[in-house]
């Protein structure tokens, strides 16, 4: 017959915050270890991929690490991935170019009507 174990916390329910592992001690007893939730890595706000260079931690653990470990030294570092930043820069450049072209065409139409 299997050896019984006693739970260390009050909640007996099988929830995500109450995960357990049965461990055999060197003395031969079976005890329950309560496991912590697994961390997920921060995701890019645009495309949703995991941000490279930033560790996967639980939210409270980010307070204990330094700023250089939480970010990447780039515009939108720690918030957006490099590809999304690149596409944002290109998009902004093309929008500005389109405005300039529009203005030039408008001035050319004015000069040709005179």
C-alpha atoms as a PDB file:
ATOM      1  CA  UNK A   1       0.000   0.000   0.000  1.00  0.00           C
ATOM      2  CA  UNK A   2       1.220   3.502  -0.839  1.00  0.00           C
ATOM      3  CA  UNK A   3       2.475   5.721   1.935  1.00  0.00           C
ATOM      4  CA  UNK A   4       0.275   8.693   2.746  1.00  0.00           C
ATOM      5  CA  UNK A   5       1.501  12.290   2.776  1.00  0.00           C
ATOM      6  CA  UNK A   6       0.113  15.316   4.586  1.00  0.00           C
ATOM      7  CA  UNK A   7      -0.327  18.606   2.759  1.00  0.00           C
ATOM      8  CA  UNK A   8       1.554  21.589   4.164  1.00  0.00           C
ATOM      9  CA  UNK A   9      -0.879  24.252   2.970  1.00  0.00           C
ATOM     10  CA  UNK A  10      -4.540  24.490   3.837  1.00  0.00           C
ATOM     11  CA  UNK A  11      -5.991  24.267   0.327  1.00  0.00           C
ATOM     12  CA  UNK A  12      -6.470  20.678  -0.841  1.00  0.00           C
ATOM     13  CA  UNK A  13      -7.551  21.633  -4.369  1.00  0.00           C
ATOM     14  CA  UNK A  14      -5.497  20.943  -7.485  1.00  0.00           C
ATOM     15  CA  UNK A  15      -5.054  24.529  -8.665  1.00  0.00           C
ATOM     16  CA  UNK A  16      -2.180  26.171 -10.534  1.00  0.00           C
ATOM     17  CA  UNK A  17      -1.009  27.982  -7.396  1.00  0.00           C
ATOM     18  CA  UNK A  18      -1.135  24.747  -5.362  1.00  0.00           C
ATOM     19  CA  UNK A  19       1.028  22.394  -7.420  1.00  0.00           C
ATOM     20  CA  UNK A  20       2.817  19.728  -5.404  1.00  0.00           C
ATOM     21  CA  UNK A  21       5.558  17.149  -5.799  1.00  0.00           C
ATOM     22  CA  UNK A  22       6.039  14.164  -3.542  1.00  0.00           C
ATOM     23  CA  UNK A  23       9.713  13.823  -2.555  1.00  0.00           C
ATOM     24  CA  UNK A  24      11.396  11.035  -0.614  1.00  0.00           C
ATOM     25  CA  UNK A  25      13.718  12.338   2.112  1.00  0.00           C
ATOM     26  CA  UNK A  26      17.031  10.692   3.044  1.00  0.00           C
ATOM     27  CA  UNK A  27      15.248   9.284   6.099  1.00  0.00           C
ATOM     28  CA  UNK A  28      12.851   7.395   3.853  1.00  0.00           C
ATOM     29  CA  UNK A  29       9.747   9.513   4.530  1.00  0.00           C
ATOM     30  CA  UNK A  30       7.574  10.919   1.749  1.00  0.00           C
ATOM     31  CA  UNK A  31       6.950  14.661   2.051  1.00  0.00           C
ATOM     32  CA  UNK A  32       5.108  17.153  -0.155  1.00  0.00           C
ATOM     33  CA  UNK A  33       6.973  20.068  -1.728  1.00  0.00           C
ATOM     34  CA  UNK A  34       4.810  22.914  -3.001  1.00  0.00           C
ATOM     35  CA  UNK A  35       6.069  24.158  -6.360  1.00  0.00           C
ATOM     36  CA  UNK A  36       6.097  27.738  -7.549  1.00  0.00           C
ATOM     37  CA  UNK A  37       4.432  28.824 -10.770  1.00  0.00           C
ATOM     38  CA  UNK A  38       6.572  28.663 -13.894  1.00  0.00           C
ATOM     39  CA  UNK A  39       7.732  32.038 -15.224  1.00  0.00           C
ATOM     40  CA  UNK A  40       6.871  33.191 -18.728  1.00  0.00           C
ATOM     41  CA  UNK A  41       9.135  35.436 -20.755  1.00  0.00           C
ATOM     42  CA  UNK A  42       7.971  38.934 -21.679  1.00  0.00           C
ATOM     43  CA  UNK A  43       6.432  39.181 -25.141  1.00  0.00           C
ATOM     44  CA  UNK A  44       6.685  41.766 -27.913  1.00  0.00           C
ATOM     45  CA  UNK A  45       3.689  44.086 -27.840  1.00  0.00           C
ATOM     46  CA  UNK A  46       3.292  44.035 -31.629  1.00  0.00           C
ATOM     47  CA  UNK A  47       4.004  40.492 -32.829  1.00  0.00           C
ATOM     48  CA  UNK A  48       3.861  38.531 -29.555  1.00  0.00           C
ATOM     49  CA  UNK A  49       7.178  36.637 -29.722  1.00  0.00           C
ATOM     50  CA  UNK A  50       9.292  36.237 -26.585  1.00  0.00           C
ATOM     51  CA  UNK A  51      11.756  39.109 -26.221  1.00  0.00           C
ATOM     52  CA  UNK A  52      15.347  37.870 -26.564  1.00  0.00           C
ATOM     53  CA  UNK A  53      17.816  39.061 -23.943  1.00  0.00           C
ATOM     54  CA  UNK A  54      15.273  39.427 -21.140  1.00  0.00           C
ATOM     55  CA  UNK A  55      14.992  36.637 -18.559  1.00  0.00           C
ATOM     56  CA  UNK A  56      11.739  34.823 -17.858  1.00  0.00           C
ATOM     57  CA  UNK A  57      10.813  35.564 -14.245  1.00  0.00           C
ATOM     58  CA  UNK A  58       7.760  35.882 -12.054  1.00  0.00           C
ATOM     59  CA  UNK A  59       6.567  39.514 -11.865  1.00  0.00           C
ATOM     60  CA  UNK A  60       7.896  40.172  -8.353  1.00  0.00           C
ATOM     61  CA  UNK A  61      11.387  38.926  -9.275  1.00  0.00           C
ATOM     62  CA  UNK A  62      11.845  41.738 -11.815  1.00  0.00           C
ATOM     63  CA  UNK A  63      12.077  44.116  -8.853  1.00  0.00           C
ATOM     64  CA  UNK A  64      15.177  42.330  -7.578  1.00  0.00           C
ATOM     65  CA  UNK A  65      17.229  42.417 -10.802  1.00  0.00           C
ATOM     66  CA  UNK A  66      19.025  45.460 -12.204  1.00  0.00           C
ATOM     67  CA  UNK A  67      17.690  47.657 -14.992  1.00  0.00           C
ATOM     68  CA  UNK A  68      20.260  46.460 -17.524  1.00  0.00           C
ATOM     69  CA  UNK A  69      18.896  42.907 -17.165  1.00  0.00           C
ATOM     70  CA  UNK A  70      15.296  44.030 -17.730  1.00  0.00           C
ATOM     71  CA  UNK A  71      15.850  45.968 -20.962  1.00  0.00           C
ATOM     72  CA  UNK A  72      17.769  45.973 -24.226  1.00  0.00           C
ATOM     73  CA  UNK A  73      19.724  49.119 -25.159  1.00  0.00           C
ATOM     74  CA  UNK A  74      17.683  50.190 -28.137  1.00  0.00           C
ATOM     75  CA  UNK A  75      14.583  52.247 -28.806  1.00  0.00           C
ATOM     76  CA  UNK A  76      11.603  50.314 -27.392  1.00  0.00           C
ATOM     77  CA  UNK A  77      14.069  47.915 -25.710  1.00  0.00           C
ATOM     78  CA  UNK A  78      12.272  45.538 -23.369  1.00  0.00           C
ATOM     79  CA  UNK A  79       8.920  46.322 -24.977  1.00  0.00           C
ATOM     80  CA  UNK A  80       9.206  45.517 -28.692  1.00  0.00           C
ATOM     81  CA  UNK A  81      11.433  43.098 -30.619  1.00  0.00           C
ATOM     82  CA  UNK A  82      14.088  44.351 -33.054  1.00  0.00           C
ATOM     83  CA  UNK A  83      12.112  43.458 -36.182  1.00  0.00           C
ATOM     84  CA  UNK A  84       9.056  45.416 -35.016  1.00  0.00           C
ATOM     85  CA  UNK A  85      11.217  48.441 -34.140  1.00  0.00           C
ATOM     86  CA  UNK A  86      12.795  48.254 -37.596  1.00  0.00           C
ATOM     87  CA  UNK A  87       9.382  48.132 -39.295  1.00  0.00           C
ATOM     88  CA  UNK A  88       8.190  51.095 -37.190  1.00  0.00           C
ATOM     89  CA  UNK A  89      11.200  53.163 -38.252  1.00  0.00           C
ATOM     90  CA  UNK A  90      10.740  52.254 -41.923  1.00  0.00           C
ATOM     91  CA  UNK A  91       6.996  53.005 -41.738  1.00  0.00           C
ATOM     92  CA  UNK A  92       7.625  56.418 -40.149  1.00  0.00           C
ATOM     93  CA  UNK A  93      10.228  57.224 -42.797  1.00  0.00           C
ATOM     94  CA  UNK A  94       7.888  56.240 -45.654  1.00  0.00           C
ATOM     95  CA  UNK A  95       5.025  58.300 -44.194  1.00  0.00           C
ATOM     96  CA  UNK A  96       7.288  61.373 -44.057  1.00  0.00           C
ATOM     97  CA  UNK A  97       8.491  60.726 -47.614  1.00  0.00           C
ATOM     98  CA  UNK A  98       4.891  60.429 -48.797  1.00  0.00           C
ATOM     99  CA  UNK A  99       4.080  63.816 -47.223  1.00  0.00           C
ATOM    100  CA  UNK A 100       7.043  65.434 -48.998  1.00  0.00           C
ATOM    101  CA  UNK A 101       6.085  63.880 -52.353  1.00  0.00           C
ATOM    102  CA  UNK A 102       2.499  65.044 -51.910  1.00  0.00           C
ATOM    103  CA  UNK A 103       3.669  68.588 -51.214  1.00  0.00           C
ATOM    104  CA  UNK A 104       5.985  68.571 -54.282  1.00  0.00           C
ATOM    105  CA  UNK A 105       3.210  67.305 -56.579  1.00  0.00           C
ATOM    106  CA  UNK A 106       0.830  69.940 -55.220  1.00  0.00           C
ATOM    107  CA  UNK A 107       3.372  72.708 -55.943  1.00  0.00           C
ATOM    108  CA  UNK A 108       4.011  71.348 -59.447  1.00  0.00           C
ATOM    109  CA  UNK A 109       0.273  71.342 -60.221  1.00  0.00           C
ATOM    110  CA  UNK A 110       0.035  74.976 -59.064  1.00  0.00           C
ATOM    111  CA  UNK A 111       2.957  76.061 -61.265  1.00  0.00           C
ATOM    112  CA  UNK A 112       1.634  74.223 -64.322  1.00  0.00           C
ATOM    113  CA  UNK A 113      -1.822  75.889 -64.029  1.00  0.00           C
ATOM    114  CA  UNK A 114      -0.316  79.396 -64.131  1.00  0.00           C
END
